[in-house]
Protein backbone atom coordinates (compact mmCIF):
# COMPACT_ATOMS: atom_id res chain seq x y z
CA UNK A 1 -3.36 9.97 26.92
CA UNK A 2 -5.10 11.39 23.85
CA UNK A 3 -8.79 10.70 23.25
CA UNK A 4 -10.46 11.50 19.94
CA UNK A 5 -13.58 10.65 17.99
CA UNK A 6 -13.18 8.69 14.76
CA UNK A 7 -16.87 8.54 13.83
CA UNK A 8 -20.21 9.01 15.59
CA UNK A 9 -19.79 5.84 17.65
CA UNK A 10 -16.07 5.08 17.50
CA UNK A 11 -13.47 6.56 19.83
CA UNK A 12 -9.69 6.29 19.85
CA UNK A 13 -7.31 6.38 22.81
CA UNK A 14 -3.60 6.89 22.21
CA UNK A 15 -0.88 6.25 24.78
CA UNK A 16 1.49 9.02 25.83
CA UNK A 17 3.71 6.51 27.59
CA UNK A 18 4.60 4.01 24.86
CA UNK A 19 5.10 4.72 21.12
CA UNK A 20 1.63 6.11 20.47
CA UNK A 21 -0.01 2.70 20.81
CA UNK A 22 -3.76 2.87 20.26
CA UNK A 23 -6.95 1.32 21.60
CA UNK A 24 -10.42 1.83 20.14
CA UNK A 25 -13.95 1.73 21.53
CA UNK A 26 -16.97 0.94 19.36
CA UNK A 27 -20.13 2.03 21.19
CA UNK A 28 -23.54 0.49 20.44
CA UNK A 29 -26.90 0.45 22.28
CA UNK A 30 -26.30 -3.23 23.04
CA UNK A 31 -22.85 -2.69 24.53
CA UNK A 32 -19.36 -1.67 23.51
CA UNK A 33 -16.39 -3.42 21.92
CA UNK A 34 -12.82 -2.58 22.90
CA UNK A 35 -10.18 -3.14 20.22
CA UNK A 36 -6.85 -3.64 21.99
CA UNK A 37 -5.96 -1.99 25.28
CA UNK A 38 -3.22 0.42 26.25
CA UNK A 39 -0.06 -1.11 27.71
CA UNK A 40 -0.33 0.30 31.23
CA UNK A 41 -3.32 0.11 33.60
CA UNK A 42 -2.90 3.77 34.54
CA UNK A 43 -3.91 4.67 30.96
CA UNK A 44 -6.43 1.89 30.39
CA UNK A 45 -8.18 3.08 33.55
CA UNK A 46 -9.28 6.13 31.56
CA UNK A 47 -10.97 3.83 29.04
CA UNK A 48 -12.77 2.09 31.89
CA UNK A 49 -14.07 5.45 33.11
CA UNK A 50 -15.11 6.43 29.59
CA UNK A 51 -17.09 3.21 29.21
CA UNK A 52 -18.89 3.80 32.49
CA UNK A 53 -20.12 7.14 31.12
CA UNK A 54 -20.72 6.43 27.44
CA UNK A 55 -21.64 2.72 27.29
CA UNK A 56 -24.45 2.05 29.80
CA UNK A 57 -24.97 -1.44 28.37
CA UNK A 58 -21.41 -2.29 29.37
CA UNK A 59 -18.43 -3.75 27.56
CA UNK A 60 -19.37 -6.87 25.61
CA UNK A 61 -16.07 -7.90 23.99
CA UNK A 62 -12.36 -7.14 23.93
CA UNK A 63 -10.49 -7.91 20.70
CA UNK A 64 -6.73 -8.43 20.59
CA UNK A 65 -5.37 -7.55 17.15
CA UNK A 66 -2.24 -9.56 18.01
CA UNK A 67 -0.35 -10.91 21.00
CA UNK A 68 2.24 -8.16 21.56
CA UNK A 69 2.28 -6.88 25.10
CA UNK A 70 1.64 -3.21 24.42
CA UNK A 71 -1.81 -4.09 23.04
CA UNK A 72 -3.09 -6.51 25.66
CA UNK A 73 -1.96 -5.76 29.22
CA UNK A 74 -4.88 -3.43 29.99
CA UNK A 75 -7.33 -6.32 29.59
CA UNK A 76 -6.75 -7.28 33.23
CA UNK A 77 -8.97 -4.33 34.20
CA UNK A 78 -11.93 -6.12 32.57
CA UNK A 79 -11.71 -9.61 34.14
CA UNK A 80 -15.20 -10.79 33.13
CA UNK A 81 -15.29 -9.55 29.53
CA UNK A 82 -14.68 -12.24 26.87
CA UNK A 83 -11.65 -11.72 24.64
CA UNK A 84 -11.55 -12.45 20.91
CA UNK A 85 -8.27 -13.07 19.06
CA UNK A 86 -6.61 -15.32 16.53
CA UNK A 87 -5.86 -18.87 17.63
CA UNK A 88 -2.14 -18.22 17.18
CA UNK A 89 -2.43 -15.25 19.56
CA UNK A 90 -3.64 -17.60 22.27
CA UNK A 91 -0.83 -20.05 21.46
CA UNK A 92 1.82 -17.33 21.73
CA UNK A 93 0.48 -16.11 25.06
CA UNK A 94 0.30 -19.64 26.44
CA UNK A 95 3.91 -20.37 25.50
CA UNK A 96 5.62 -17.04 26.17
CA UNK A 97 3.14 -14.61 27.67
CA UNK A 98 4.09 -14.97 31.33
CA UNK A 99 7.79 -14.85 30.53
CA UNK A 100 7.23 -11.68 28.51
CA UNK A 101 5.26 -10.09 31.32
CA UNK A 102 8.02 -10.76 33.81
CA UNK A 103 10.57 -9.22 31.46
CA UNK A 104 8.34 -6.18 30.98
CA UNK A 105 7.98 -5.75 34.75
CA UNK A 106 11.75 -5.40 34.97
CA UNK A 107 11.56 -2.48 32.51
CA UNK A 108 8.55 -0.77 34.11
CA UNK A 109 7.91 -2.22 37.58
CA UNK A 110 5.75 0.64 38.83
CA UNK A 111 3.51 0.68 35.78
CA UNK A 112 3.06 -3.09 35.47
CA UNK A 113 3.06 -4.17 39.11
CA UNK A 114 -0.60 -5.23 39.18
CA UNK A 115 -0.93 -6.55 35.63
CA UNK A 116 -2.12 -10.12 35.11
CA UNK A 117 -2.17 -11.83 31.74
CA UNK A 118 -5.54 -12.58 30.17
CA UNK A 119 -5.85 -15.21 27.44
CA UNK A 120 -8.36 -15.07 24.58
CA UNK A 121 -11.66 -16.88 25.19
CA UNK A 122 -12.93 -16.92 21.58
CA UNK A 123 -10.51 -17.57 18.74
CA UNK A 124 -10.49 -17.18 14.98
CA UNK A 125 -8.58 -20.05 13.41
CA UNK A 126 -8.91 -19.09 9.74
CA UNK A 127 -11.12 -17.09 7.43
CA UNK A 128 -13.40 -14.47 8.99
CA UNK A 129 -15.64 -13.90 11.99
CA UNK A 130 -18.68 -11.62 12.00
CA UNK A 131 -20.06 -9.91 15.11
CA UNK A 132 -23.44 -8.19 14.89
CA UNK A 133 -24.06 -5.97 17.89
CA UNK A 134 -26.44 -3.06 18.40
CA UNK A 135 -26.71 -2.20 14.72
CA UNK A 136 -22.98 -2.56 14.05
CA UNK A 137 -21.40 -5.26 11.91
CA UNK A 138 -17.81 -6.08 12.83
CA UNK A 139 -15.95 -8.13 10.25
CA UNK A 140 -12.85 -9.72 11.76
CA UNK A 141 -10.27 -11.16 9.37
CA UNK A 142 -6.63 -12.23 9.23
CA UNK A 143 -3.93 -9.67 8.46
CA UNK A 144 -0.61 -11.29 9.41
CA UNK A 145 2.84 -9.94 8.60
CA UNK A 146 3.69 -7.73 11.55
CA UNK A 147 3.23 -10.96 13.48
CA UNK A 148 1.73 -14.27 12.39
CA UNK A 149 -1.45 -13.83 14.45
CA UNK A 150 -2.56 -10.40 13.23
CA UNK A 151 -6.23 -9.64 12.70
CA UNK A 152 -8.11 -6.52 11.61
CA UNK A 153 -11.65 -5.39 12.36
CA UNK A 154 -13.80 -3.59 9.81
CA UNK A 155 -16.85 -1.73 11.12
CA UNK A 156 -18.98 -1.88 8.00
CA UNK A 157 -21.53 0.80 8.88
CA UNK A 158 -18.81 3.36 9.69
CA UNK A 159 -16.32 2.30 6.98
CA UNK A 160 -13.65 2.30 9.70
CA UNK A 161 -10.91 -0.34 9.81
CA UNK A 162 -8.94 -1.22 12.94
CA UNK A 163 -5.75 -2.58 11.39
CA UNK A 164 -3.69 -3.27 14.49
CA UNK A 165 0.02 -3.18 13.71
CA UNK A 166 -0.56 -4.31 10.14
CA UNK A 167 -0.76 -0.57 9.59
CA UNK A 168 1.74 1.75 11.25
CA UNK A 169 3.52 4.98 10.24
CA UNK A 170 6.44 2.67 9.47
CA UNK A 171 5.83 -1.04 8.85
CA UNK A 172 7.72 -3.38 11.19
CA UNK A 173 8.51 -7.02 10.46
CA UNK A 174 10.99 -8.00 13.21
CA UNK A 175 8.47 -10.55 14.52
CA UNK A 176 6.80 -11.08 11.16
CA UNK A 177 7.22 -11.44 7.43
CA UNK A 178 7.26 -8.70 4.76
CA UNK A 179 5.58 -10.82 2.09
CA UNK A 180 2.71 -11.68 4.41
CA UNK A 181 2.40 -8.06 5.45
CA UNK A 182 2.23 -6.87 1.85
CA UNK A 183 -0.53 -9.39 1.19
CA UNK A 184 -2.43 -8.09 4.22
CA UNK A 185 -2.05 -4.48 3.07
CA UNK A 186 -3.38 -5.41 -0.36
CA UNK A 187 -6.33 -7.11 1.32
CA UNK A 188 -7.02 -3.83 3.13
CA UNK A 189 -6.72 -1.95 -0.17
CA UNK A 190 -9.46 -4.15 -1.63
CA UNK A 191 -11.82 -3.27 1.23
CA UNK A 192 -11.38 0.47 0.58
CA UNK A 193 -12.06 1.74 4.10
CA UNK A 194 -12.66 5.45 4.57
CA UNK A 195 -10.52 5.58 7.73
CA UNK A 196 -7.86 3.31 9.23
CA UNK A 197 -7.05 3.15 12.92
CA UNK A 198 -3.38 2.18 13.08
CA UNK A 199 -1.90 0.11 15.88
CA UNK A 200 0.39 3.05 16.61
CA UNK A 201 0.06 6.64 15.53
CA UNK A 202 -2.64 8.87 14.12
CA UNK A 203 -5.83 7.79 12.37
CA UNK A 204 -5.51 7.70 8.59
CA UNK A 205 -8.47 9.69 7.34
CA UNK A 206 -10.48 9.70 4.14
CA UNK A 207 -8.38 10.91 1.25
CA UNK A 208 -5.14 9.65 2.80
CA UNK A 209 -5.87 5.93 2.96
CA UNK A 210 -4.83 4.93 -0.56
CA UNK A 211 -1.54 6.83 -0.41
CA UNK A 212 -0.71 5.48 3.05
CA UNK A 213 -1.24 1.87 1.96
CA UNK A 214 0.81 2.37 -1.21
CA UNK A 215 3.60 4.00 0.79
CA UNK A 216 3.81 1.13 3.26
CA UNK A 217 3.87 -1.49 0.51
CA UNK A 218 6.57 0.47 -1.33
CA UNK A 219 8.64 0.76 1.85
CA UNK A 220 8.54 -3.01 2.39
CA UNK A 221 9.55 -3.67 -1.20
CA UNK A 222 12.41 -1.18 -0.89
CA UNK A 223 13.92 -2.65 2.27
CA UNK A 224 13.59 -6.18 0.89
CA UNK A 225 15.47 -5.13 -2.23
CA UNK A 226 18.31 -3.29 -0.50
CA UNK A 227 18.78 -6.05 2.09
CA UNK A 228 18.93 -8.68 -0.66
CA UNK A 229 21.45 -6.56 -2.61
CA UNK A 230 23.60 -6.13 0.50
CA UNK A 231 23.79 -9.86 1.16
CA UNK A 232 24.30 -10.72 -2.52
CA UNK A 233 27.16 -8.21 -2.82
CA UNK A 234 28.62 -9.39 0.51
CA UNK A 235 28.36 -5.95 2.09
CA UNK A 236 28.60 -5.85 5.84
CA UNK A 237 25.43 -5.40 7.84
CA UNK A 238 26.74 -2.19 9.39
CA UNK A 239 26.90 -0.63 5.94
CA UNK A 240 23.29 -1.57 5.23
CA UNK A 241 22.14 -0.07 8.53
CA UNK A 242 23.40 3.33 7.42
CA UNK A 243 20.60 3.45 4.82
CA UNK A 244 18.50 6.46 5.76
CA UNK A 245 14.84 5.79 6.47
CA UNK A 246 13.78 8.81 4.42
CA UNK A 247 15.48 7.36 1.34
CA UNK A 248 13.09 4.43 1.77
CA UNK A 249 10.05 6.69 1.77
CA UNK A 250 9.33 7.18 5.48
CA UNK A 251 9.87 10.51 7.31
CA UNK A 252 12.41 10.39 10.13
CA UNK A 253 9.91 12.10 12.43
CA UNK A 254 7.27 9.39 11.99
CA UNK A 255 5.95 7.87 15.21
CA UNK A 256 7.43 10.62 17.38
CA UNK A 257 10.88 10.12 15.90
CA UNK A 258 10.95 6.34 16.40
CA UNK A 259 11.10 5.66 12.65
CA UNK A 260 14.94 5.46 12.33
CA UNK A 261 15.18 2.94 15.17
CA UNK A 262 12.39 0.75 13.78
CA UNK A 263 13.84 1.04 10.28
CA UNK A 264 17.24 -0.17 11.51
CA UNK A 265 15.56 -3.11 13.24
CA UNK A 266 13.78 -4.03 10.00
CA UNK A 267 17.01 -3.93 8.01
CA UNK A 268 18.88 -5.92 10.62
CA UNK A 269 16.17 -8.56 10.66
CA UNK A 270 16.05 -8.93 6.88
CA UNK A 271 19.83 -9.03 6.59
CA UNK A 272 20.14 -11.66 9.31
CA UNK A 273 17.52 -13.90 7.74
CA UNK A 274 19.03 -13.66 4.28
CA UNK A 275 22.56 -14.15 5.60
CA UNK A 276 21.52 -17.29 7.45
CA UNK A 277 19.76 -18.67 4.38
CA UNK A 278 22.91 -18.16 2.26
CA UNK A 279 25.34 -19.49 4.87
CA UNK A 280 26.84 -16.18 5.92
CA UNK A 281 27.37 -15.83 9.66
CA UNK A 282 27.29 -12.15 10.54
CA UNK A 283 23.89 -12.29 12.20
CA UNK A 284 22.73 -12.72 15.77
CA UNK A 285 19.36 -13.88 17.08
CA UNK A 286 16.81 -11.09 17.45
CA UNK A 287 15.93 -10.19 21.03
CA UNK A 288 12.34 -10.42 22.18
CA UNK A 289 11.00 -8.53 25.15
CA UNK A 290 7.71 -8.27 26.92
CA UNK A 291 6.90 -4.84 25.46
CA UNK A 292 6.59 -4.75 21.70
CA UNK A 293 5.23 -2.71 18.88
């Protein structure tokens, strides 16, 4: 697991075990805030040890940026800490969380054996939520599109934005909606953060933020266009899936080489949705699992 410092009081932890998923710690004299957790307790344990050394006032809140398993399973190591999330995050976990956890245990029984699911205690239903803690102002707001329950956290004093999976080296919309995600990215553009902590991958630093946001919006517009053209021209889905990710503006090596796989999943999802809406029947339901991006 990689640990790095984003600003004077903000630290990032990146998983070595699952697609560079990230968790962040905001340290204040009045206690710390943990934004997401790592997917496996063996890695989240390192965050627990870090907090014991660097946050003597303890952990005050955990924030889930969305309900996907790779961002929440480590919360079981902090059983008494209140969790903040969107109301739809709580709904998703109530309806499918336990089923997803059981499916994930089949994939990684040794790593998930002792995981228990924790539900949010405090929910944002719409608009924004402000947390003032130890001289830090955390502005929590909706950024759906990767999933319908996405939220981001802007630390105003540090100009650092935790975007969750609304911002990734390659946008993914298999469980979301590209139009909603573009709106969320434009909302982030308007804030003009100096740094963005992505849900997966490296921190986007000052000087790179504007280009990264433009690139992700352009990628979404490109895949929407080529999927719509494929369905309109009655091309087979297999032909569409041969579209190279780099031709859509994303390096093949992004996210440790996971970009082509995620790109294919995006194209498949868009094609299937459009085909269903036009009466074509070449699609199949997307598969959901306990471990997600």
